[in-house]
C-alpha cells in the first residue's frame, strides 16, 4: 500500500522524463539518478509509454502522465 507521503509528478514532468530516457541514450537508472527520482517510477512510466505505442495509441507520451505512480 502506498504512503500518504508518496510524491506525485505532473503529466508534463513524466513525459519529459520519459523523453530524456528515449532521446539521450541514458539508461533508466542513470536518468532517474540525474533527475533525483525513483528508478522504479521512471521505469514504469517508460513501460507504460512503450505499451501504449505497441497498441497503436496516438497519445502514447500522454499515457505516462496518467499513472498514479509516485517517486
N, C-alpha and C. Protein backbone atom coordinates (compact mmCIF):
# COMPACT_ATOMS: atom_id res chain seq x y z
N UNK A 1 0.84 -1.18 0.00
CA UNK A 1 0.00 0.00 0.00
C UNK A 1 0.89 1.24 0.00
N UNK A 2 0.37 2.28 -0.64
CA UNK A 2 1.16 3.50 -0.75
C UNK A 2 1.09 4.35 0.50
N UNK A 3 2.12 5.08 0.70
CA UNK A 3 2.18 6.01 1.82
C UNK A 3 1.46 7.29 1.47
N UNK A 4 0.93 7.99 2.46
CA UNK A 4 0.30 9.27 2.19
C UNK A 4 1.34 10.33 1.83
N UNK A 5 2.61 9.98 1.97
CA UNK A 5 3.69 10.89 1.63
C UNK A 5 4.27 10.63 0.25
N UNK A 6 3.60 9.80 -0.54
CA UNK A 6 4.07 9.49 -1.88
C UNK A 6 4.11 10.74 -2.74
N UNK A 7 5.23 10.97 -3.39
CA UNK A 7 5.37 12.14 -4.24
C UNK A 7 4.63 11.91 -5.54
N UNK A 8 3.91 12.92 -5.98
CA UNK A 8 3.18 12.88 -7.25
C UNK A 8 3.90 13.77 -8.25
N UNK A 9 3.94 13.33 -9.48
CA UNK A 9 4.59 14.09 -10.54
C UNK A 9 3.56 14.49 -11.58
N UNK A 10 3.74 15.68 -12.16
CA UNK A 10 2.81 16.16 -13.18
C UNK A 10 2.96 15.34 -14.46
N UNK A 11 1.92 15.38 -15.28
CA UNK A 11 1.96 14.68 -16.56
C UNK A 11 3.12 15.20 -17.41
N UNK A 12 3.32 16.50 -17.40
CA UNK A 12 4.39 17.10 -18.18
C UNK A 12 5.76 16.60 -17.71
N UNK A 13 5.96 16.51 -16.40
CA UNK A 13 7.23 16.04 -15.86
C UNK A 13 7.49 14.60 -16.29
N UNK A 14 6.45 13.77 -16.23
CA UNK A 14 6.60 12.37 -16.63
C UNK A 14 6.95 12.25 -18.11
N UNK A 15 6.26 13.03 -18.94
CA UNK A 15 6.56 13.00 -20.38
C UNK A 15 8.00 13.42 -20.63
N UNK A 16 8.43 14.48 -19.96
CA UNK A 16 9.80 14.97 -20.15
C UNK A 16 10.84 13.94 -19.67
N UNK A 17 10.55 13.27 -18.57
CA UNK A 17 11.47 12.26 -18.04
C UNK A 17 11.59 11.08 -19.00
N UNK A 18 10.45 10.63 -19.53
CA UNK A 18 10.46 9.52 -20.50
C UNK A 18 11.22 9.94 -21.75
N UNK A 19 11.00 11.15 -22.21
CA UNK A 19 11.69 11.64 -23.40
C UNK A 19 13.19 11.72 -23.17
N UNK A 20 13.61 12.07 -21.97
CA UNK A 20 15.04 12.12 -21.64
C UNK A 20 15.66 10.73 -21.83
N UNK A 21 14.99 9.71 -21.34
CA UNK A 21 15.50 8.34 -21.48
C UNK A 21 15.57 7.97 -22.96
N UNK A 22 14.52 8.27 -23.68
CA UNK A 22 14.42 7.84 -25.07
C UNK A 22 15.39 8.58 -25.98
N UNK A 23 15.63 9.85 -25.73
CA UNK A 23 16.43 10.65 -26.66
C UNK A 23 17.90 10.75 -26.29
N UNK A 24 18.23 10.49 -25.03
CA UNK A 24 19.60 10.74 -24.58
C UNK A 24 20.51 9.52 -24.64
N UNK A 25 19.93 8.34 -24.73
CA UNK A 25 20.75 7.14 -24.70
C UNK A 25 21.12 6.71 -23.30
N UNK A 26 20.65 7.44 -22.29
CA UNK A 26 20.91 7.07 -20.90
C UNK A 26 20.04 5.89 -20.52
N UNK A 27 20.50 5.14 -19.55
CA UNK A 27 19.66 4.08 -19.00
C UNK A 27 18.61 4.72 -18.10
N UNK A 28 17.56 3.96 -17.79
CA UNK A 28 16.53 4.45 -16.88
C UNK A 28 17.17 4.82 -15.54
N UNK A 29 18.05 3.97 -15.05
CA UNK A 29 18.69 4.21 -13.77
C UNK A 29 19.51 5.50 -13.78
N UNK A 30 20.27 5.72 -14.85
CA UNK A 30 21.08 6.93 -14.96
C UNK A 30 20.20 8.18 -15.00
N UNK A 31 19.15 8.13 -15.82
CA UNK A 31 18.26 9.29 -15.94
C UNK A 31 17.55 9.56 -14.62
N UNK A 32 17.08 8.51 -13.96
CA UNK A 32 16.39 8.67 -12.68
C UNK A 32 17.32 9.30 -11.65
N UNK A 33 18.54 8.84 -11.60
CA UNK A 33 19.52 9.40 -10.65
C UNK A 33 19.75 10.88 -10.95
N UNK A 34 19.89 11.20 -12.22
CA UNK A 34 20.12 12.59 -12.63
C UNK A 34 18.93 13.48 -12.26
N UNK A 35 17.73 12.94 -12.38
CA UNK A 35 16.51 13.71 -12.08
C UNK A 35 16.16 13.70 -10.60
N UNK A 36 16.79 12.80 -9.86
CA UNK A 36 16.50 12.71 -8.43
C UNK A 36 15.18 12.02 -8.13
N UNK A 37 14.81 11.06 -8.98
CA UNK A 37 13.57 10.33 -8.78
C UNK A 37 13.86 8.84 -8.69
N UNK A 38 12.86 8.09 -8.31
CA UNK A 38 12.98 6.65 -8.19
C UNK A 38 13.10 6.00 -9.57
N UNK A 39 14.07 5.10 -9.72
CA UNK A 39 14.21 4.41 -10.99
C UNK A 39 13.00 3.53 -11.27
N UNK A 40 12.36 3.02 -10.21
CA UNK A 40 11.17 2.18 -10.39
C UNK A 40 10.03 3.00 -10.99
N UNK A 41 9.88 4.23 -10.54
CA UNK A 41 8.83 5.09 -11.10
C UNK A 41 9.09 5.39 -12.56
N UNK A 42 10.32 5.80 -12.86
CA UNK A 42 10.66 6.15 -14.24
C UNK A 42 10.52 4.93 -15.15
N UNK A 43 10.97 3.79 -14.67
CA UNK A 43 10.85 2.57 -15.47
C UNK A 43 9.38 2.26 -15.78
N UNK A 44 8.51 2.46 -14.80
CA UNK A 44 7.09 2.24 -15.01
C UNK A 44 6.51 3.19 -16.04
N UNK A 45 6.93 4.46 -16.01
CA UNK A 45 6.44 5.44 -16.97
C UNK A 45 6.88 5.07 -18.38
N UNK A 46 8.15 4.64 -18.52
CA UNK A 46 8.68 4.26 -19.83
C UNK A 46 7.93 3.04 -20.36
N UNK A 47 7.70 2.05 -19.50
CA UNK A 47 6.97 0.84 -19.91
C UNK A 47 5.56 1.18 -20.36
N UNK A 48 4.92 2.10 -19.65
CA UNK A 48 3.56 2.48 -20.00
C UNK A 48 3.50 3.13 -21.38
N UNK A 49 4.47 3.98 -21.68
CA UNK A 49 4.53 4.63 -22.99
C UNK A 49 4.78 3.59 -24.07
N UNK A 50 5.72 2.68 -23.83
CA UNK A 50 6.02 1.65 -24.83
C UNK A 50 4.82 0.75 -25.07
N UNK A 51 4.12 0.38 -24.03
CA UNK A 51 2.93 -0.46 -24.18
C UNK A 51 1.86 0.26 -24.98
N UNK A 52 1.70 1.54 -24.73
CA UNK A 52 0.71 2.32 -25.47
C UNK A 52 1.09 2.41 -26.95
N UNK A 53 2.37 2.54 -27.23
CA UNK A 53 2.83 2.60 -28.62
C UNK A 53 2.61 1.26 -29.32
N UNK A 54 2.83 0.17 -28.59
CA UNK A 54 2.65 -1.16 -29.16
C UNK A 54 1.20 -1.42 -29.54
N UNK A 55 0.27 -0.79 -28.83
CA UNK A 55 -1.14 -0.97 -29.13
C UNK A 55 -1.63 0.06 -30.15
N UNK A 56 -0.73 0.93 -30.60
CA UNK A 56 -1.07 1.90 -31.62
C UNK A 56 -1.73 3.16 -31.11
N UNK A 57 -1.57 3.46 -29.85
CA UNK A 57 -2.16 4.67 -29.29
C UNK A 57 -1.48 5.90 -29.87
N UNK A 58 -2.27 6.88 -30.26
CA UNK A 58 -1.70 8.10 -30.83
C UNK A 58 -1.22 9.05 -29.76
N UNK A 59 -1.63 8.84 -28.52
CA UNK A 59 -1.21 9.72 -27.43
C UNK A 59 -0.33 8.97 -26.45
N UNK A 60 0.61 8.21 -26.98
CA UNK A 60 1.44 7.35 -26.15
C UNK A 60 2.21 8.13 -25.08
N UNK A 61 2.76 9.28 -25.45
CA UNK A 61 3.54 10.05 -24.47
C UNK A 61 2.66 10.51 -23.33
N UNK A 62 1.42 10.78 -23.59
CA UNK A 62 0.50 11.20 -22.54
C UNK A 62 0.13 10.09 -21.59
N UNK A 63 0.31 8.86 -22.01
CA UNK A 63 -0.04 7.73 -21.16
C UNK A 63 0.79 7.69 -19.89
N UNK A 64 2.03 8.10 -19.96
CA UNK A 64 2.88 8.09 -18.78
C UNK A 64 2.33 9.02 -17.72
N UNK A 65 1.75 10.11 -18.15
CA UNK A 65 1.22 11.10 -17.22
C UNK A 65 -0.05 10.67 -16.54
N UNK A 66 -0.69 9.61 -17.01
CA UNK A 66 -1.94 9.17 -16.42
C UNK A 66 -1.72 8.20 -15.27
N UNK A 67 -0.48 7.85 -15.02
CA UNK A 67 -0.16 6.94 -13.95
C UNK A 67 -0.25 7.62 -12.59
N UNK A 68 -0.65 6.86 -11.59
CA UNK A 68 -0.68 7.40 -10.23
C UNK A 68 0.59 7.06 -9.48
N UNK A 69 1.60 6.59 -10.22
CA UNK A 69 2.87 6.21 -9.60
C UNK A 69 3.52 7.41 -8.95
N UNK A 70 4.18 7.16 -7.88
CA UNK A 70 4.93 8.22 -7.22
C UNK A 70 6.40 7.99 -7.37
N UNK A 71 7.18 8.69 -6.57
CA UNK A 71 8.62 8.54 -6.72
C UNK A 71 9.30 8.16 -5.50
